[in-house]
Amino acid sequence: MKFQIIAGELCLDFINTLDNRPVPERRLELVPNYFDLLEWALQAGGISPAQHAALRNEAESHPKEAVAARLRAVELRECLYRIMSAITRKRRAEEDDLRTLNVYMGEALAHMELHPTRRGYRLEGPHDSMRLDSVLWPIARSASDLLTGDDLQNVRECRVGTCRWLFVDRSKNHSRRWCDMKICGNRIKARKFYRRQAALNVE
């Protein structure tokens, strides 16, 4: 898999597409172009394989529009980061960021449709839109659901200072400290082990 989808919510995994965010000289853009954005959205479950193929063809035919759509994606991502980061620090989000998000949410909801299910109805976006920025609609919808739901209080930042990826802590005791145990968790455990070994060697 090209991307690490570990946050538990589509909008948070999207925020995490800028790696090493706290260390400017080491920042790594994981979706540097529109085609990478599509690959991420497909892997994260934001779009279907059919949507991915259709939007890829559309982007190849309209490269300038693809660049503009990717720039809008970055705007949404950084807006979401500031909002979610404020929430993890028990602060209120800035009004400008909320207004920006409301624009994206309005676009997403304007294209949602009710579809019947066995137990009622659900909102779904169109699966045949040729708008290149339609890849952002599921992200905006995810942010809307998270911000208005019970899981908002469980949004966390990875404790590793150079990481700070966001995730929803759905562990039994809400004690999850790292974005991924196999990545940042093991790094922290290894550092503690080496410190203990170094202390024993000094003694």
N, C-alpha and C. Protein backbone atom coordinates (compact mmCIF):
# COMPACT_ATOMS: atom_id res chain seq x y z
N MET A 1 0.84 -1.18 0.00
CA MET A 1 0.00 0.00 0.00
C MET A 1 0.89 1.26 0.00
N LYS A 2 0.54 2.22 -0.85
CA LYS A 2 1.34 3.43 -0.95
C LYS A 2 1.15 4.35 0.25
N PHE A 3 -0.08 4.39 0.79
CA PHE A 3 -0.41 5.31 1.88
C PHE A 3 -0.76 4.53 3.15
N GLN A 4 -0.55 5.16 4.29
CA GLN A 4 -0.90 4.57 5.58
C GLN A 4 -2.25 5.14 6.01
N ILE A 5 -3.26 4.31 6.00
CA ILE A 5 -4.61 4.72 6.36
C ILE A 5 -4.88 4.19 7.77
N ILE A 6 -4.63 5.02 8.77
CA ILE A 6 -4.65 4.53 10.15
C ILE A 6 -5.47 5.42 11.09
N ALA A 7 -6.06 6.51 10.59
CA ALA A 7 -6.65 7.50 11.49
C ALA A 7 -8.04 7.13 11.98
N GLY A 8 -8.76 6.31 11.23
CA GLY A 8 -10.11 5.96 11.64
C GLY A 8 -11.18 6.85 11.09
N GLU A 9 -10.79 7.94 10.41
CA GLU A 9 -11.74 8.83 9.74
C GLU A 9 -11.07 9.37 8.48
N LEU A 10 -11.84 9.43 7.41
CA LEU A 10 -11.31 9.85 6.12
C LEU A 10 -10.67 11.23 6.20
N CYS A 11 -11.33 12.18 6.88
CA CYS A 11 -10.80 13.54 6.92
C CYS A 11 -9.48 13.61 7.68
N LEU A 12 -9.30 12.78 8.69
CA LEU A 12 -8.04 12.78 9.44
C LEU A 12 -6.92 12.13 8.64
N ASP A 13 -7.24 11.06 7.94
CA ASP A 13 -6.24 10.45 7.06
C ASP A 13 -5.81 11.44 5.98
N PHE A 14 -6.74 12.27 5.54
CA PHE A 14 -6.39 13.29 4.54
C PHE A 14 -5.45 14.34 5.14
N ILE A 15 -5.71 14.76 6.35
CA ILE A 15 -4.80 15.70 7.03
C ILE A 15 -3.40 15.11 7.11
N ASN A 16 -3.33 13.81 7.30
CA ASN A 16 -2.04 13.14 7.47
C ASN A 16 -1.26 12.95 6.17
N THR A 17 -1.77 13.50 5.07
CA THR A 17 -1.03 13.39 3.81
C THR A 17 0.09 14.42 3.71
N LEU A 18 0.29 15.22 4.75
CA LEU A 18 1.52 16.02 4.87
C LEU A 18 2.30 15.41 6.03
N ASP A 19 3.40 14.76 5.71
CA ASP A 19 4.18 14.04 6.72
C ASP A 19 5.23 14.96 7.35
N ASN A 20 5.62 14.63 8.58
CA ASN A 20 6.63 15.41 9.32
C ASN A 20 6.23 16.88 9.43
N ARG A 21 4.95 17.14 9.60
CA ARG A 21 4.44 18.51 9.64
C ARG A 21 5.15 19.40 10.68
N PRO A 22 5.47 18.89 11.88
CA PRO A 22 6.09 19.78 12.89
C PRO A 22 7.54 20.17 12.59
N VAL A 23 8.16 19.52 11.61
CA VAL A 23 9.58 19.79 11.31
C VAL A 23 9.66 20.32 9.87
N PRO A 24 9.62 21.65 9.69
CA PRO A 24 9.54 22.24 8.34
C PRO A 24 10.56 21.70 7.35
N GLU A 25 11.81 21.53 7.80
CA GLU A 25 12.85 21.09 6.87
C GLU A 25 12.69 19.62 6.45
N ARG A 26 11.82 18.88 7.15
CA ARG A 26 11.63 17.47 6.82
C ARG A 26 10.22 17.17 6.29
N ARG A 27 9.41 18.20 6.08
CA ARG A 27 8.05 17.97 5.61
C ARG A 27 8.04 17.25 4.27
N LEU A 28 7.11 16.32 4.16
CA LEU A 28 7.00 15.53 2.94
C LEU A 28 5.56 15.54 2.46
N GLU A 29 5.35 16.08 1.28
CA GLU A 29 4.02 16.12 0.67
C GLU A 29 3.73 14.77 0.03
N LEU A 30 2.70 14.09 0.53
CA LEU A 30 2.38 12.75 0.05
C LEU A 30 1.44 12.74 -1.15
N VAL A 31 0.80 13.89 -1.41
CA VAL A 31 -0.06 14.00 -2.60
C VAL A 31 0.38 15.23 -3.40
N PRO A 32 1.57 15.17 -4.02
CA PRO A 32 2.12 16.34 -4.70
C PRO A 32 1.42 16.70 -6.00
N ASN A 33 0.54 15.85 -6.50
CA ASN A 33 -0.21 16.18 -7.71
C ASN A 33 -1.58 15.54 -7.64
N TYR A 34 -2.42 15.87 -8.61
CA TYR A 34 -3.80 15.39 -8.59
C TYR A 34 -3.90 13.87 -8.68
N PHE A 35 -3.01 13.26 -9.45
CA PHE A 35 -3.07 11.81 -9.62
C PHE A 35 -2.72 11.08 -8.32
N ASP A 36 -1.80 11.64 -7.53
CA ASP A 36 -1.52 11.07 -6.22
C ASP A 36 -2.72 11.25 -5.29
N LEU A 37 -3.38 12.39 -5.41
CA LEU A 37 -4.60 12.63 -4.63
C LEU A 37 -5.65 11.56 -4.94
N LEU A 38 -5.81 11.25 -6.22
CA LEU A 38 -6.76 10.19 -6.59
C LEU A 38 -6.35 8.84 -6.04
N GLU A 39 -5.05 8.54 -6.08
CA GLU A 39 -4.57 7.26 -5.55
C GLU A 39 -4.86 7.17 -4.06
N TRP A 40 -4.62 8.27 -3.35
CA TRP A 40 -4.90 8.29 -1.91
C TRP A 40 -6.39 8.06 -1.67
N ALA A 41 -7.24 8.79 -2.40
CA ALA A 41 -8.69 8.70 -2.19
C ALA A 41 -9.19 7.29 -2.47
N LEU A 42 -8.63 6.63 -3.47
CA LEU A 42 -9.02 5.26 -3.78
C LEU A 42 -8.62 4.33 -2.65
N GLN A 43 -7.39 4.43 -2.18
CA GLN A 43 -6.91 3.55 -1.11
C GLN A 43 -7.66 3.81 0.20
N ALA A 44 -8.00 5.07 0.46
CA ALA A 44 -8.68 5.42 1.71
C ALA A 44 -10.16 5.10 1.68
N GLY A 45 -10.69 4.76 0.51
CA GLY A 45 -12.11 4.43 0.41
C GLY A 45 -13.00 5.62 0.13
N GLY A 46 -12.41 6.75 -0.24
CA GLY A 46 -13.20 7.94 -0.53
C GLY A 46 -13.88 7.89 -1.89
N ILE A 47 -13.28 7.18 -2.84
CA ILE A 47 -13.86 7.02 -4.17
C ILE A 47 -13.76 5.55 -4.58
N SER A 48 -14.57 5.18 -5.56
CA SER A 48 -14.58 3.81 -6.06
C SER A 48 -13.57 3.67 -7.19
N PRO A 49 -13.22 2.43 -7.56
CA PRO A 49 -12.33 2.24 -8.70
C PRO A 49 -12.87 2.87 -9.98
N ALA A 50 -14.19 2.82 -10.18
CA ALA A 50 -14.78 3.43 -11.37
C ALA A 50 -14.62 4.94 -11.34
N GLN A 51 -14.85 5.56 -10.18
CA GLN A 51 -14.65 7.00 -10.05
C GLN A 51 -13.20 7.36 -10.29
N HIS A 52 -12.32 6.56 -9.73
CA HIS A 52 -10.88 6.81 -9.89
C HIS A 52 -10.51 6.82 -11.37
N ALA A 53 -10.97 5.85 -12.11
CA ALA A 53 -10.64 5.76 -13.54
C ALA A 53 -11.22 6.95 -14.31
N ALA A 54 -12.48 7.30 -14.01
CA ALA A 54 -13.14 8.39 -14.72
C ALA A 54 -12.46 9.73 -14.43
N LEU A 55 -12.15 9.99 -13.16
CA LEU A 55 -11.52 11.26 -12.80
C LEU A 55 -10.09 11.33 -13.32
N ARG A 56 -9.42 10.20 -13.36
CA ARG A 56 -8.06 10.20 -13.91
C ARG A 56 -8.08 10.57 -15.40
N ASN A 57 -9.02 10.01 -16.13
CA ASN A 57 -9.15 10.35 -17.55
C ASN A 57 -9.49 11.83 -17.73
N GLU A 58 -10.36 12.33 -16.88
CA GLU A 58 -10.75 13.73 -16.94
C GLU A 58 -9.55 14.63 -16.64
N ALA A 59 -8.76 14.26 -15.66
CA ALA A 59 -7.58 15.06 -15.29
C ALA A 59 -6.54 15.06 -16.40
N GLU A 60 -6.39 13.93 -17.06
CA GLU A 60 -5.44 13.86 -18.17
C GLU A 60 -5.88 14.76 -19.32
N SER A 61 -7.19 14.91 -19.49
CA SER A 61 -7.71 15.76 -20.57
C SER A 61 -7.72 17.23 -20.19
N HIS A 62 -7.73 17.52 -18.88
CA HIS A 62 -7.80 18.92 -18.42
C HIS A 62 -6.74 19.14 -17.33
N PRO A 63 -5.47 19.19 -17.70
CA PRO A 63 -4.39 19.29 -16.71
C PRO A 63 -4.44 20.56 -15.85
N LYS A 64 -4.83 21.69 -16.43
CA LYS A 64 -4.89 22.92 -15.64
C LYS A 64 -5.96 22.83 -14.56
N GLU A 65 -7.10 22.27 -14.92
CA GLU A 65 -8.17 22.09 -13.93
C GLU A 65 -7.76 21.11 -12.85
N ALA A 66 -6.95 20.10 -13.22
CA ALA A 66 -6.45 19.14 -12.23
C ALA A 66 -5.53 19.82 -11.23
N VAL A 67 -4.67 20.70 -11.71
CA VAL A 67 -3.79 21.45 -10.81
C VAL A 67 -4.62 22.31 -9.86
N ALA A 68 -5.65 22.97 -10.38
CA ALA A 68 -6.51 23.81 -9.54
C ALA A 68 -7.24 22.99 -8.49
N ALA A 69 -7.71 21.81 -8.88
CA ALA A 69 -8.42 20.93 -7.93
C ALA A 69 -7.48 20.47 -6.83
N ARG A 70 -6.25 20.17 -7.18
CA ARG A 70 -5.28 19.74 -6.17
C ARG A 70 -4.96 20.89 -5.22
N LEU A 71 -4.89 22.13 -5.71
CA LEU A 71 -4.64 23.28 -4.84
C LEU A 71 -5.81 23.47 -3.88
N ARG A 72 -7.01 23.24 -4.34
CA ARG A 72 -8.18 23.32 -3.45
C ARG A 72 -8.10 22.23 -2.39
N ALA A 73 -7.61 21.07 -2.77
CA ALA A 73 -7.47 19.98 -1.81
C ALA A 73 -6.51 20.37 -0.70
N VAL A 74 -5.40 21.02 -1.05
CA VAL A 74 -4.44 21.47 -0.04
C VAL A 74 -5.08 22.51 0.87
N GLU A 75 -5.85 23.43 0.28
CA GLU A 75 -6.54 24.43 1.09
C GLU A 75 -7.46 23.77 2.10
N LEU A 76 -8.24 22.78 1.65
CA LEU A 76 -9.14 22.07 2.56
C LEU A 76 -8.36 21.33 3.62
N ARG A 77 -7.29 20.66 3.23
CA ARG A 77 -6.49 19.88 4.19
C ARG A 77 -5.93 20.76 5.29
N GLU A 78 -5.35 21.90 4.92
CA GLU A 78 -4.74 22.76 5.93
C GLU A 78 -5.78 23.43 6.81
N CYS A 79 -6.93 23.73 6.23
CA CYS A 79 -8.05 24.24 7.03
C CYS A 79 -8.49 23.20 8.05
N LEU A 80 -8.64 21.96 7.61
CA LEU A 80 -9.03 20.88 8.52
C LEU A 80 -7.98 20.66 9.60
N TYR A 81 -6.72 20.74 9.22
CA TYR A 81 -5.67 20.56 10.22
C TYR A 81 -5.77 21.61 11.32
N ARG A 82 -5.94 22.86 10.93
CA ARG A 82 -6.02 23.92 11.95
C ARG A 82 -7.22 23.72 12.86
N ILE A 83 -8.34 23.30 12.30
CA ILE A 83 -9.54 23.08 13.11
C ILE A 83 -9.33 21.91 14.07
N MET A 84 -8.87 20.78 13.55
CA MET A 84 -8.70 19.60 14.39
C MET A 84 -7.58 19.77 15.40
N SER A 85 -6.52 20.46 15.01
CA SER A 85 -5.43 20.72 15.93
C SER A 85 -5.90 21.59 17.09
N ALA A 86 -6.72 22.59 16.79
CA ALA A 86 -7.28 23.43 17.85
C ALA A 86 -8.12 22.59 18.81
N ILE A 87 -8.90 21.68 18.26
CA ILE A 87 -9.76 20.84 19.10
C ILE A 87 -8.94 19.95 20.02
N THR A 88 -7.85 19.36 19.50
CA THR A 88 -7.02 18.50 20.36
C THR A 88 -6.35 19.29 21.47
N ARG A 89 -6.21 20.60 21.28
CA ARG A 89 -5.59 21.47 22.29
C ARG A 89 -6.62 22.21 23.14
N LYS A 90 -7.88 21.78 23.01
CA LYS A 90 -8.99 22.33 23.80
C LYS A 90 -9.18 23.83 23.53
N ARG A 91 -8.98 24.21 22.25
CA ARG A 91 -9.21 25.59 21.87
C ARG A 91 -10.33 25.65 20.84
N ARG A 92 -10.87 26.84 20.65
CA ARG A 92 -11.92 27.03 19.64
C ARG A 92 -11.26 27.23 18.28
N ALA A 93 -11.88 26.68 17.27
CA ALA A 93 -11.38 26.86 15.91
C ALA A 93 -11.59 28.30 15.47
N GLU A 94 -10.73 28.78 14.59
CA GLU A 94 -10.85 30.13 14.07
C GLU A 94 -12.09 30.25 13.17
N GLU A 95 -12.75 31.40 13.24
CA GLU A 95 -13.95 31.62 12.44
C GLU A 95 -13.66 31.54 10.95
N ASP A 96 -12.50 32.05 10.51
CA ASP A 96 -12.15 31.99 9.09
C ASP A 96 -12.06 30.55 8.60
N ASP A 97 -11.49 29.68 9.44
CA ASP A 97 -11.37 28.28 9.05
C ASP A 97 -12.74 27.60 9.00
N LEU A 98 -13.61 27.94 9.93
CA LEU A 98 -14.95 27.36 9.91
C LEU A 98 -15.73 27.83 8.68
N ARG A 99 -15.54 29.09 8.30
CA ARG A 99 -16.21 29.58 7.09
C ARG A 99 -15.70 28.85 5.85
N THR A 100 -14.38 28.65 5.79
CA THR A 100 -13.82 27.92 4.65
C THR A 100 -14.37 26.51 4.58
N LEU A 101 -14.39 25.83 5.71
CA LEU A 101 -14.91 24.46 5.74
C LEU A 101 -16.38 24.43 5.36
N ASN A 102 -17.14 25.43 5.79
CA ASN A 102 -18.56 25.47 5.45
C ASN A 102 -18.77 25.56 3.94
N VAL A 103 -17.86 26.25 3.24
CA VAL A 103 -17.95 26.33 1.78
C VAL A 103 -17.81 24.93 1.17
N TYR A 104 -16.79 24.19 1.62
CA TYR A 104 -16.57 22.85 1.10
C TYR A 104 -17.70 21.90 1.49
N MET A 105 -18.19 22.04 2.70
CA MET A 105 -19.30 21.19 3.14
C MET A 105 -20.55 21.49 2.34
N GLY A 106 -20.78 22.78 2.05
CA GLY A 106 -21.94 23.16 1.25
C GLY A 106 -21.89 22.55 -0.13
N GLU A 107 -20.70 22.57 -0.74
CA GLU A 107 -20.54 21.95 -2.07
C GLU A 107 -20.81 20.46 -2.00
N ALA A 108 -20.27 19.82 -0.97
CA ALA A 108 -20.45 18.37 -0.85
C ALA A 108 -21.92 18.01 -0.64
N LEU A 109 -22.57 18.69 0.29
CA LEU A 109 -23.96 18.37 0.61
C LEU A 109 -24.89 18.70 -0.55
N ALA A 110 -24.53 19.68 -1.37
CA ALA A 110 -25.37 20.05 -2.51
C ALA A 110 -25.45 18.92 -3.53
N HIS A 111 -24.48 18.02 -3.49
CA HIS A 111 -24.45 16.92 -4.45
C HIS A 111 -24.83 15.57 -3.82
N MET A 112 -25.24 15.59 -2.55
CA MET A 112 -25.65 14.36 -1.90
C MET A 112 -27.09 14.01 -2.27
N GLU A 113 -27.36 12.72 -2.30
CA GLU A 113 -28.69 12.23 -2.61
C GLU A 113 -29.09 11.17 -1.60
N LEU A 114 -30.38 11.09 -1.31
CA LEU A 114 -30.90 10.05 -0.43
C LEU A 114 -31.10 8.76 -1.21
N HIS A 115 -30.61 7.66 -0.63
CA HIS A 115 -30.79 6.34 -1.24
C HIS A 115 -31.38 5.40 -0.20
N PRO A 116 -32.35 4.58 -0.61
CA PRO A 116 -32.99 3.68 0.36
C PRO A 116 -32.06 2.53 0.75
N THR A 117 -32.19 2.11 1.99
CA THR A 117 -31.49 0.94 2.49
C THR A 117 -32.52 0.01 3.13
N ARG A 118 -32.08 -1.12 3.65
CA ARG A 118 -33.01 -2.05 4.29
C ARG A 118 -33.64 -1.45 5.55
N ARG A 119 -32.87 -0.57 6.22
CA ARG A 119 -33.36 -0.01 7.49
C ARG A 119 -33.79 1.44 7.38
N GLY A 120 -33.75 2.01 6.21
CA GLY A 120 -34.14 3.40 6.07
C GLY A 120 -33.50 4.03 4.85
N TYR A 121 -32.75 5.10 5.09
CA TYR A 121 -32.12 5.83 4.00
C TYR A 121 -30.70 6.25 4.41
N ARG A 122 -29.89 6.55 3.39
CA ARG A 122 -28.56 7.09 3.65
C ARG A 122 -28.22 8.12 2.58
N LEU A 123 -27.36 9.05 2.96
CA LEU A 123 -26.90 10.06 2.02
C LEU A 123 -25.67 9.55 1.29
N GLU A 124 -25.68 9.70 -0.02
CA GLU A 124 -24.52 9.31 -0.82
C GLU A 124 -24.26 10.38 -1.86
N GLY A 125 -22.99 10.51 -2.21
CA GLY A 125 -22.63 11.40 -3.28
C GLY A 125 -22.81 10.72 -4.62
N PRO A 126 -22.87 11.49 -5.70
CA PRO A 126 -22.98 10.89 -7.04
C PRO A 126 -21.71 10.12 -7.40
N HIS A 127 -21.88 9.01 -8.06
CA HIS A 127 -20.73 8.18 -8.42
C HIS A 127 -20.27 8.41 -9.86
N ASP A 128 -20.89 9.39 -10.54
CA ASP A 128 -20.55 9.61 -11.93
C ASP A 128 -20.18 11.06 -12.22
N SER A 129 -19.86 11.82 -11.19
CA SER A 129 -19.51 13.22 -11.41
C SER A 129 -18.16 13.34 -12.11
N MET A 130 -18.10 14.24 -13.09
CA MET A 130 -16.85 14.49 -13.81
C MET A 130 -16.12 15.72 -13.25
N ARG A 131 -16.65 16.30 -12.19
CA ARG A 131 -15.97 17.44 -11.57
C ARG A 131 -14.73 16.93 -10.84
N LEU A 132 -13.59 17.51 -11.16
CA LEU A 132 -12.34 17.03 -10.58
C LEU A 132 -12.28 17.23 -9.07
N ASP A 133 -12.96 18.27 -8.58
CA ASP A 133 -12.95 18.49 -7.13
C ASP A 133 -13.98 17.65 -6.40
N SER A 134 -14.69 16.77 -7.12
CA SER A 134 -15.65 15.88 -6.44
C SER A 134 -14.93 14.91 -5.52
N VAL A 135 -13.63 14.72 -5.72
CA VAL A 135 -12.84 13.86 -4.83
C VAL A 135 -12.81 14.43 -3.41
N LEU A 136 -13.10 15.72 -3.27
CA LEU A 136 -13.07 16.37 -1.96
C LEU A 136 -14.39 16.23 -1.20
N TRP A 137 -15.45 15.89 -1.89
CA TRP A 137 -16.76 15.84 -1.23
C TRP A 137 -16.83 14.82 -0.11
N PRO A 138 -16.35 13.60 -0.30
CA PRO A 138 -16.40 12.65 0.83
C PRO A 138 -15.55 13.11 2.02
N ILE A 139 -14.48 13.83 1.75
CA ILE A 139 -13.62 14.34 2.84
C ILE A 139 -14.38 15.37 3.66
N ALA A 140 -15.04 16.31 2.96
CA ALA A 140 -15.83 17.33 3.65
C ALA A 140 -16.96 16.69 4.44
N ARG A 141 -17.58 15.68 3.86
CA ARG A 141 -18.67 14.99 4.57
C ARG A 141 -18.14 14.28 5.82
N SER A 142 -16.98 13.68 5.71
CA SER A 142 -16.36 13.02 6.85
C SER A 142 -16.08 14.02 7.96
N ALA A 143 -15.57 15.19 7.58
CA ALA A 143 -15.28 16.23 8.59
C ALA A 143 -16.56 16.68 9.27
N SER A 144 -17.63 16.84 8.48
CA SER A 144 -18.92 17.24 9.04
C SER A 144 -19.42 16.22 10.06
N ASP A 145 -19.34 14.94 9.70
CA ASP A 145 -19.80 13.88 10.61
C ASP A 145 -18.96 13.83 11.88
N LEU A 146 -17.65 14.00 11.73
CA LEU A 146 -16.77 13.93 12.90
C LEU A 146 -17.00 15.12 13.83
N LEU A 147 -17.11 16.31 13.26
CA LEU A 147 -17.27 17.51 14.07
C LEU A 147 -18.60 17.56 14.80
N THR A 148 -19.59 16.86 14.30
CA THR A 148 -20.91 16.90 14.93
C THR A 148 -21.24 15.61 15.67
N GLY A 149 -20.27 14.69 15.77
CA GLY A 149 -20.53 13.40 16.39
C GLY A 149 -19.82 13.21 17.72
N ASP A 150 -20.06 12.09 18.35
CA ASP A 150 -19.50 11.79 19.66
C ASP A 150 -18.00 11.52 19.62
N ASP A 151 -17.49 11.12 18.46
CA ASP A 151 -16.06 10.78 18.37
C ASP A 151 -15.14 12.00 18.41
N LEU A 152 -15.70 13.19 18.30
CA LEU A 152 -14.86 14.38 18.27
C LEU A 152 -13.98 14.47 19.52
N GLN A 153 -14.52 14.08 20.67
CA GLN A 153 -13.77 14.15 21.92
C GLN A 153 -12.63 13.14 21.97
N ASN A 154 -12.61 12.21 21.01
CA ASN A 154 -11.56 11.18 21.00
C ASN A 154 -10.52 11.41 19.91
N VAL A 155 -10.52 12.59 19.29
CA VAL A 155 -9.49 12.91 18.30
C VAL A 155 -8.19 13.20 19.05
N ARG A 156 -7.13 12.57 18.61
CA ARG A 156 -5.83 12.70 19.28
C ARG A 156 -4.74 13.02 18.26
N GLU A 157 -3.63 13.54 18.77
CA GLU A 157 -2.41 13.71 18.00
C GLU A 157 -1.39 12.67 18.46
N CYS A 158 -0.66 12.10 17.52
CA CYS A 158 0.40 11.17 17.88
C CYS A 158 1.38 11.85 18.82
N ARG A 159 1.81 11.15 19.86
CA ARG A 159 2.68 11.73 20.86
C ARG A 159 4.12 11.94 20.38
N VAL A 160 4.49 11.32 19.27
CA VAL A 160 5.84 11.50 18.74
C VAL A 160 5.95 12.91 18.17
N GLY A 161 6.89 13.68 18.69
CA GLY A 161 6.98 15.09 18.36
C GLY A 161 7.17 15.40 16.90
N THR A 162 7.87 14.53 16.17
CA THR A 162 8.10 14.78 14.75
C THR A 162 6.98 14.25 13.87
N CYS A 163 6.00 13.58 14.47
CA CYS A 163 4.90 13.00 13.70
C CYS A 163 3.65 13.86 13.81
N ARG A 164 2.98 13.76 14.95
CA ARG A 164 1.77 14.52 15.23
C ARG A 164 0.63 14.21 14.26
N TRP A 165 0.62 12.99 13.68
CA TRP A 165 -0.53 12.60 12.87
C TRP A 165 -1.76 12.53 13.76
N LEU A 166 -2.91 12.78 13.17
CA LEU A 166 -4.17 12.77 13.90
C LEU A 166 -4.87 11.43 13.73
N PHE A 167 -5.63 11.05 14.74
CA PHE A 167 -6.40 9.80 14.68
C PHE A 167 -7.53 9.86 15.69
N VAL A 168 -8.51 8.97 15.53
CA VAL A 168 -9.59 8.82 16.51
C VAL A 168 -9.22 7.67 17.43
N ASP A 169 -9.16 7.95 18.71
CA ASP A 169 -8.82 6.93 19.70
C ASP A 169 -10.08 6.16 20.08
N ARG A 170 -10.25 5.00 19.46
CA ARG A 170 -11.39 4.15 19.78
C ARG A 170 -10.96 2.94 20.60
N SER A 171 -9.80 3.03 21.23
CA SER A 171 -9.35 1.94 22.09
C SER A 171 -10.28 1.83 23.30
N LYS A 172 -10.27 0.67 23.95
CA LYS A 172 -11.22 0.39 25.03
C LYS A 172 -11.13 1.43 26.14
N ASN A 173 -9.92 1.79 26.54
CA ASN A 173 -9.75 2.75 27.64
C ASN A 173 -9.36 4.14 27.14
N HIS A 174 -9.48 4.35 25.84
CA HIS A 174 -9.08 5.63 25.24
C HIS A 174 -7.67 6.02 25.66
N SER A 175 -6.77 5.04 25.55
CA SER A 175 -5.39 5.25 26.00
C SER A 175 -4.38 5.17 24.85
N ARG A 176 -4.87 5.20 23.63
CA ARG A 176 -3.97 5.12 22.47
C ARG A 176 -3.10 6.38 22.41
N ARG A 177 -1.80 6.20 22.27
CA ARG A 177 -0.87 7.33 22.31
C ARG A 177 -0.23 7.62 20.96
N TRP A 178 -0.21 6.63 20.09
CA TRP A 178 0.53 6.77 18.83
C TRP A 178 -0.40 6.56 17.64
N CYS A 179 0.01 7.16 16.52
CA CYS A 179 -0.79 6.99 15.31
C CYS A 179 -0.81 5.53 14.89
N ASP A 180 0.33 4.84 15.03
CA ASP A 180 0.44 3.45 14.64
C ASP A 180 1.49 2.77 15.52
N MET A 181 1.10 1.71 16.19
CA MET A 181 2.01 1.03 17.10
C MET A 181 3.23 0.49 16.37
N LYS A 182 3.05 0.02 15.13
CA LYS A 182 4.15 -0.57 14.38
C LYS A 182 5.15 0.48 13.89
N ILE A 183 4.74 1.73 13.88
CA ILE A 183 5.64 2.79 13.38
C ILE A 183 6.12 3.63 14.55
N CYS A 184 5.31 4.56 15.00
CA CYS A 184 5.75 5.46 16.07
C CYS A 184 5.84 4.77 17.42
N GLY A 185 4.93 3.82 17.69
CA GLY A 185 4.99 3.11 18.96
C GLY A 185 6.29 2.36 19.13
N ASN A 186 6.71 1.66 18.10
CA ASN A 186 7.97 0.92 18.17
C ASN A 186 9.17 1.84 18.28
N ARG A 187 9.09 3.00 17.63
CA ARG A 187 10.19 3.97 17.74
C ARG A 187 10.38 4.42 19.19
N ILE A 188 9.28 4.74 19.85
CA ILE A 188 9.36 5.20 21.23
C ILE A 188 9.87 4.09 22.13
N LYS A 189 9.37 2.86 21.95
CA LYS A 189 9.83 1.74 22.78
C LYS A 189 11.31 1.47 22.56
N ALA A 190 11.75 1.58 21.30
CA ALA A 190 13.18 1.36 21.01
C ALA A 190 14.04 2.41 21.68
N ARG A 191 13.59 3.66 21.65
CA ARG A 191 14.37 4.73 22.29
C ARG A 191 14.47 4.51 23.79
N LYS A 192 13.37 4.10 24.41
CA LYS A 192 13.39 3.84 25.85
C LYS A 192 14.34 2.68 26.17
N PHE A 193 14.32 1.65 25.32
CA PHE A 193 15.19 0.50 25.53
C PHE A 193 16.66 0.93 25.46
N TYR A 194 17.00 1.71 24.44
CA TYR A 194 18.40 2.13 24.28
C TYR A 194 18.84 3.04 25.43
N ARG A 195 17.91 3.88 25.93
CA ARG A 195 18.25 4.72 27.08
C ARG A 195 18.55 3.87 28.30
N ARG A 196 17.72 2.83 28.52
CA ARG A 196 17.95 1.95 29.68
C ARG A 196 19.28 1.22 29.54
N GLN A 197 19.57 0.75 28.32
CA GLN A 197 20.82 0.06 28.10
C GLN A 197 22.02 0.99 28.31
N ALA A 198 21.87 2.22 27.86
CA ALA A 198 22.95 3.19 28.02
C ALA A 198 23.18 3.48 29.49
N ALA A 199 22.08 3.58 30.26
CA ALA A 199 22.21 3.84 31.69
C ALA A 199 22.89 2.68 32.40
N LEU A 200 22.56 1.45 32.00
CA LEU A 200 23.20 0.28 32.61
C LEU A 200 24.68 0.22 32.29
N ASN A 201 25.05 0.62 31.08
CA ASN A 201 26.45 0.61 30.68
C ASN A 201 27.28 1.63 31.47
N VAL A 202 26.62 2.77 31.77
CA VAL A 202 27.31 3.81 32.56
C VAL A 202 27.57 3.31 33.96
N GLU A 203 26.59 2.60 34.52
CA GLU A 203 26.74 2.08 35.87
C GLU A 203 27.83 1.02 35.92
